[in-house]
Amino acid sequence: MKPIGLEELEARLTAQRRLLMWLVKELPADKAARLVAELWEPFPPQDAQEDPGAVPVDAFAAAAGYTAEIRTILRDVRSSILPPSEDKL
């Protein structure tokens, strides 16, 4: 498989984000709420450190990226289905 460029990678991520947003919006309200609550929790890095962040490692960068992307998707979903006064994320 040949490496892909930044523009293609961005296009793929945008397509995946749109698909995920659509899927979440189509869930029944109770299941969507459960999914949002579960995904909103921070993603723990897998490096077996007692003091996460004491030694910078790639796991923390990946975890931060994961958390930022999930929260962006969830905010976009909420803002598309809730009036602005109810959107608290």
N, C-alpha and C. Protein backbone atom coordinates (compact mmCIF):
# COMPACT_ATOMS: atom_id res chain seq x y z
N MET A 1 0.85 -1.17 0.00
CA MET A 1 0.00 0.00 0.00
C MET A 1 0.89 1.24 0.00
N LYS A 2 0.63 2.15 -0.91
CA LYS A 2 1.44 3.36 -0.99
C LYS A 2 1.02 4.36 0.08
N PRO A 3 1.95 5.16 0.56
CA PRO A 3 1.60 6.17 1.56
C PRO A 3 0.63 7.19 0.98
N ILE A 4 -0.24 7.71 1.83
CA ILE A 4 -1.20 8.71 1.36
C ILE A 4 -0.74 10.09 1.81
N GLY A 5 -1.14 11.09 1.06
CA GLY A 5 -0.78 12.46 1.39
C GLY A 5 -1.67 13.04 2.47
N LEU A 6 -1.27 14.19 2.96
CA LEU A 6 -2.01 14.86 4.02
C LEU A 6 -3.43 15.22 3.58
N GLU A 7 -3.59 15.67 2.34
CA GLU A 7 -4.93 16.05 1.86
C GLU A 7 -5.86 14.84 1.80
N GLU A 8 -5.34 13.71 1.33
CA GLU A 8 -6.17 12.50 1.28
C GLU A 8 -6.51 12.01 2.68
N LEU A 9 -5.55 12.07 3.58
CA LEU A 9 -5.80 11.66 4.96
C LEU A 9 -6.88 12.54 5.59
N GLU A 10 -6.78 13.84 5.37
CA GLU A 10 -7.79 14.75 5.91
C GLU A 10 -9.17 14.47 5.32
N ALA A 11 -9.23 14.18 4.02
CA ALA A 11 -10.51 13.85 3.38
C ALA A 11 -11.10 12.58 3.96
N ARG A 12 -10.27 11.58 4.20
CA ARG A 12 -10.76 10.32 4.78
C ARG A 12 -11.29 10.54 6.19
N LEU A 13 -10.55 11.31 6.99
CA LEU A 13 -11.00 11.58 8.36
C LEU A 13 -12.31 12.36 8.37
N THR A 14 -12.45 13.31 7.46
CA THR A 14 -13.69 14.07 7.36
C THR A 14 -14.86 13.16 7.01
N ALA A 15 -14.63 12.25 6.07
CA ALA A 15 -15.68 11.30 5.68
C ALA A 15 -16.06 10.40 6.86
N GLN A 16 -15.07 9.92 7.59
CA GLN A 16 -15.35 9.07 8.75
C GLN A 16 -16.10 9.84 9.83
N ARG A 17 -15.71 11.09 10.05
CA ARG A 17 -16.40 11.91 11.05
C ARG A 17 -17.86 12.11 10.67
N ARG A 18 -18.12 12.40 9.40
CA ARG A 18 -19.51 12.59 8.95
C ARG A 18 -20.33 11.32 9.12
N LEU A 19 -19.73 10.18 8.80
CA LEU A 19 -20.43 8.91 8.96
C LEU A 19 -20.73 8.64 10.43
N LEU A 20 -19.75 8.85 11.30
CA LEU A 20 -19.97 8.63 12.73
C LEU A 20 -21.04 9.56 13.28
N MET A 21 -21.01 10.81 12.87
CA MET A 21 -22.03 11.75 13.33
C MET A 21 -23.41 11.29 12.90
N TRP A 22 -23.54 10.83 11.67
CA TRP A 22 -24.84 10.36 11.19
C TRP A 22 -25.30 9.15 12.00
N LEU A 23 -24.40 8.21 12.24
CA LEU A 23 -24.76 7.01 12.99
C LEU A 23 -25.23 7.36 14.40
N VAL A 24 -24.52 8.25 15.08
CA VAL A 24 -24.92 8.63 16.44
C VAL A 24 -26.27 9.33 16.42
N LYS A 25 -26.49 10.21 15.45
CA LYS A 25 -27.78 10.92 15.37
C LYS A 25 -28.94 9.97 15.12
N GLU A 26 -28.69 8.84 14.49
CA GLU A 26 -29.75 7.88 14.18
C GLU A 26 -30.06 6.94 15.34
N LEU A 27 -29.23 6.92 16.37
CA LEU A 27 -29.48 6.06 17.53
C LEU A 27 -30.68 6.56 18.32
N PRO A 28 -31.39 5.64 18.99
CA PRO A 28 -32.43 6.08 19.93
C PRO A 28 -31.78 6.95 21.02
N ALA A 29 -32.52 7.89 21.56
CA ALA A 29 -31.98 8.87 22.50
C ALA A 29 -31.26 8.23 23.69
N ASP A 30 -31.82 7.15 24.26
CA ASP A 30 -31.17 6.54 25.43
C ASP A 30 -29.83 5.92 25.07
N LYS A 31 -29.75 5.28 23.91
CA LYS A 31 -28.48 4.67 23.49
C LYS A 31 -27.46 5.74 23.11
N ALA A 32 -27.92 6.80 22.47
CA ALA A 32 -27.01 7.89 22.11
C ALA A 32 -26.44 8.53 23.37
N ALA A 33 -27.29 8.73 24.39
CA ALA A 33 -26.83 9.34 25.64
C ALA A 33 -25.79 8.45 26.32
N ARG A 34 -26.03 7.14 26.31
CA ARG A 34 -25.08 6.20 26.91
C ARG A 34 -23.75 6.22 26.16
N LEU A 35 -23.82 6.24 24.84
CA LEU A 35 -22.61 6.28 24.02
C LEU A 35 -21.82 7.57 24.27
N VAL A 36 -22.52 8.69 24.30
CA VAL A 36 -21.86 9.97 24.55
C VAL A 36 -21.19 9.97 25.92
N ALA A 37 -21.88 9.48 26.94
CA ALA A 37 -21.31 9.44 28.29
C ALA A 37 -20.06 8.57 28.34
N GLU A 38 -20.12 7.43 27.67
CA GLU A 38 -18.97 6.51 27.66
C GLU A 38 -17.78 7.11 26.91
N LEU A 39 -18.05 7.69 25.75
CA LEU A 39 -16.96 8.23 24.93
C LEU A 39 -16.38 9.52 25.48
N TRP A 40 -17.16 10.24 26.29
CA TRP A 40 -16.67 11.51 26.83
C TRP A 40 -15.56 11.30 27.85
N GLU A 41 -15.52 10.11 28.46
CA GLU A 41 -14.48 9.82 29.44
C GLU A 41 -13.11 9.81 28.77
N PRO A 42 -12.08 10.31 29.45
CA PRO A 42 -10.74 10.32 28.85
C PRO A 42 -10.25 8.91 28.53
N PHE A 43 -9.48 8.81 27.49
CA PHE A 43 -8.90 7.55 27.04
C PHE A 43 -7.59 7.34 27.78
N PRO A 44 -7.48 6.30 28.62
CA PRO A 44 -6.24 6.13 29.40
C PRO A 44 -5.09 5.60 28.54
N PRO A 45 -3.93 6.23 28.63
CA PRO A 45 -2.77 5.71 27.90
C PRO A 45 -2.35 4.36 28.45
N GLN A 46 -1.79 3.53 27.60
CA GLN A 46 -1.42 2.18 27.99
C GLN A 46 0.10 2.07 28.14
N ASP A 47 0.66 2.68 29.18
CA ASP A 47 2.10 2.58 29.34
C ASP A 47 2.51 2.08 30.73
N ALA A 48 1.56 1.74 31.57
CA ALA A 48 1.79 1.16 32.90
C ALA A 48 2.53 2.12 33.83
N GLN A 49 2.41 3.40 33.64
CA GLN A 49 3.04 4.38 34.53
C GLN A 49 2.14 4.59 35.75
N GLU A 50 2.76 4.67 36.93
CA GLU A 50 1.98 5.00 38.12
C GLU A 50 1.59 6.47 38.10
N ASP A 51 2.45 7.32 37.55
CA ASP A 51 2.19 8.75 37.48
C ASP A 51 2.13 9.17 36.02
N PRO A 52 0.95 9.03 35.41
CA PRO A 52 0.84 9.37 33.99
C PRO A 52 1.30 10.80 33.73
N GLY A 53 2.15 10.95 32.76
CA GLY A 53 2.66 12.26 32.41
C GLY A 53 4.00 12.56 33.02
N ALA A 54 4.47 11.71 33.95
CA ALA A 54 5.78 11.94 34.56
C ALA A 54 6.88 11.84 33.53
N VAL A 55 6.73 10.92 32.61
CA VAL A 55 7.69 10.74 31.52
C VAL A 55 6.91 10.87 30.22
N PRO A 56 7.21 11.90 29.41
CA PRO A 56 6.45 12.05 28.17
C PRO A 56 6.69 10.89 27.22
N VAL A 57 5.64 10.32 26.74
CA VAL A 57 5.74 9.22 25.78
C VAL A 57 4.68 9.41 24.71
N ASP A 58 4.86 8.69 23.62
CA ASP A 58 3.91 8.78 22.50
C ASP A 58 2.49 8.39 22.90
N ALA A 59 2.36 7.52 23.90
CA ALA A 59 1.02 7.09 24.31
C ALA A 59 0.17 8.27 24.76
N PHE A 60 0.79 9.26 25.38
CA PHE A 60 0.03 10.42 25.86
C PHE A 60 -0.38 11.32 24.71
N ALA A 61 0.45 11.44 23.69
CA ALA A 61 0.08 12.22 22.51
C ALA A 61 -1.09 11.56 21.80
N ALA A 62 -1.04 10.24 21.67
CA ALA A 62 -2.13 9.51 21.03
C ALA A 62 -3.42 9.65 21.84
N ALA A 63 -3.31 9.56 23.16
CA ALA A 63 -4.49 9.69 24.02
C ALA A 63 -5.09 11.08 23.92
N ALA A 64 -4.25 12.10 23.88
CA ALA A 64 -4.74 13.47 23.76
C ALA A 64 -5.43 13.66 22.41
N GLY A 65 -4.86 13.12 21.36
CA GLY A 65 -5.47 13.21 20.03
C GLY A 65 -6.79 12.50 19.97
N TYR A 66 -6.85 11.31 20.58
CA TYR A 66 -8.09 10.53 20.63
C TYR A 66 -9.18 11.32 21.35
N THR A 67 -8.84 11.83 22.53
CA THR A 67 -9.81 12.56 23.33
C THR A 67 -10.31 13.80 22.59
N ALA A 68 -9.39 14.53 21.98
CA ALA A 68 -9.78 15.74 21.24
C ALA A 68 -10.71 15.41 20.08
N GLU A 69 -10.41 14.35 19.35
CA GLU A 69 -11.23 13.99 18.19
C GLU A 69 -12.62 13.52 18.62
N ILE A 70 -12.68 12.66 19.63
CA ILE A 70 -13.97 12.18 20.13
C ILE A 70 -14.83 13.35 20.59
N ARG A 71 -14.24 14.25 21.36
CA ARG A 71 -15.02 15.38 21.88
C ARG A 71 -15.46 16.32 20.77
N THR A 72 -14.65 16.48 19.74
CA THR A 72 -15.06 17.30 18.59
C THR A 72 -16.26 16.67 17.90
N ILE A 73 -16.21 15.37 17.69
CA ILE A 73 -17.33 14.68 17.05
C ILE A 73 -18.59 14.79 17.91
N LEU A 74 -18.45 14.56 19.21
CA LEU A 74 -19.62 14.62 20.09
C LEU A 74 -20.21 16.02 20.15
N ARG A 75 -19.36 17.04 20.18
CA ARG A 75 -19.86 18.42 20.17
C ARG A 75 -20.62 18.70 18.87
N ASP A 76 -20.06 18.24 17.75
CA ASP A 76 -20.72 18.45 16.46
C ASP A 76 -22.08 17.75 16.42
N VAL A 77 -22.14 16.54 16.95
CA VAL A 77 -23.41 15.81 16.98
C VAL A 77 -24.42 16.55 17.84
N ARG A 78 -24.00 16.92 19.04
CA ARG A 78 -24.92 17.62 19.95
C ARG A 78 -25.41 18.93 19.35
N SER A 79 -24.50 19.69 18.75
CA SER A 79 -24.92 20.99 18.21
C SER A 79 -25.84 20.84 17.01
N SER A 80 -25.78 19.69 16.35
CA SER A 80 -26.66 19.50 15.20
C SER A 80 -28.05 18.98 15.59
N ILE A 81 -28.19 18.46 16.83
CA ILE A 81 -29.50 17.92 17.23
C ILE A 81 -30.14 18.68 18.38
N LEU A 82 -29.38 19.52 19.08
CA LEU A 82 -29.95 20.26 20.21
C LEU A 82 -29.98 21.76 19.91
N PRO A 83 -30.97 22.45 20.44
CA PRO A 83 -30.94 23.91 20.33
C PRO A 83 -29.74 24.45 21.11
N PRO A 84 -29.19 25.60 20.74
CA PRO A 84 -28.00 26.14 21.42
C PRO A 84 -28.15 26.26 22.93
N SER A 85 -29.34 26.54 23.44
CA SER A 85 -29.53 26.69 24.89
C SER A 85 -29.37 25.38 25.64
N GLU A 86 -29.52 24.24 24.97
CA GLU A 86 -29.40 22.94 25.62
C GLU A 86 -28.05 22.29 25.40
N ASP A 87 -27.24 22.81 24.51
CA ASP A 87 -25.96 22.21 24.18
C ASP A 87 -24.92 22.62 25.21
N LYS A 88 -24.62 21.72 26.16
CA LYS A 88 -23.72 22.04 27.27
C LYS A 88 -22.34 21.42 27.15
N LEU A 89 -22.03 20.68 26.09
CA LEU A 89 -20.71 20.06 25.96
C LEU A 89 -19.69 21.07 25.51
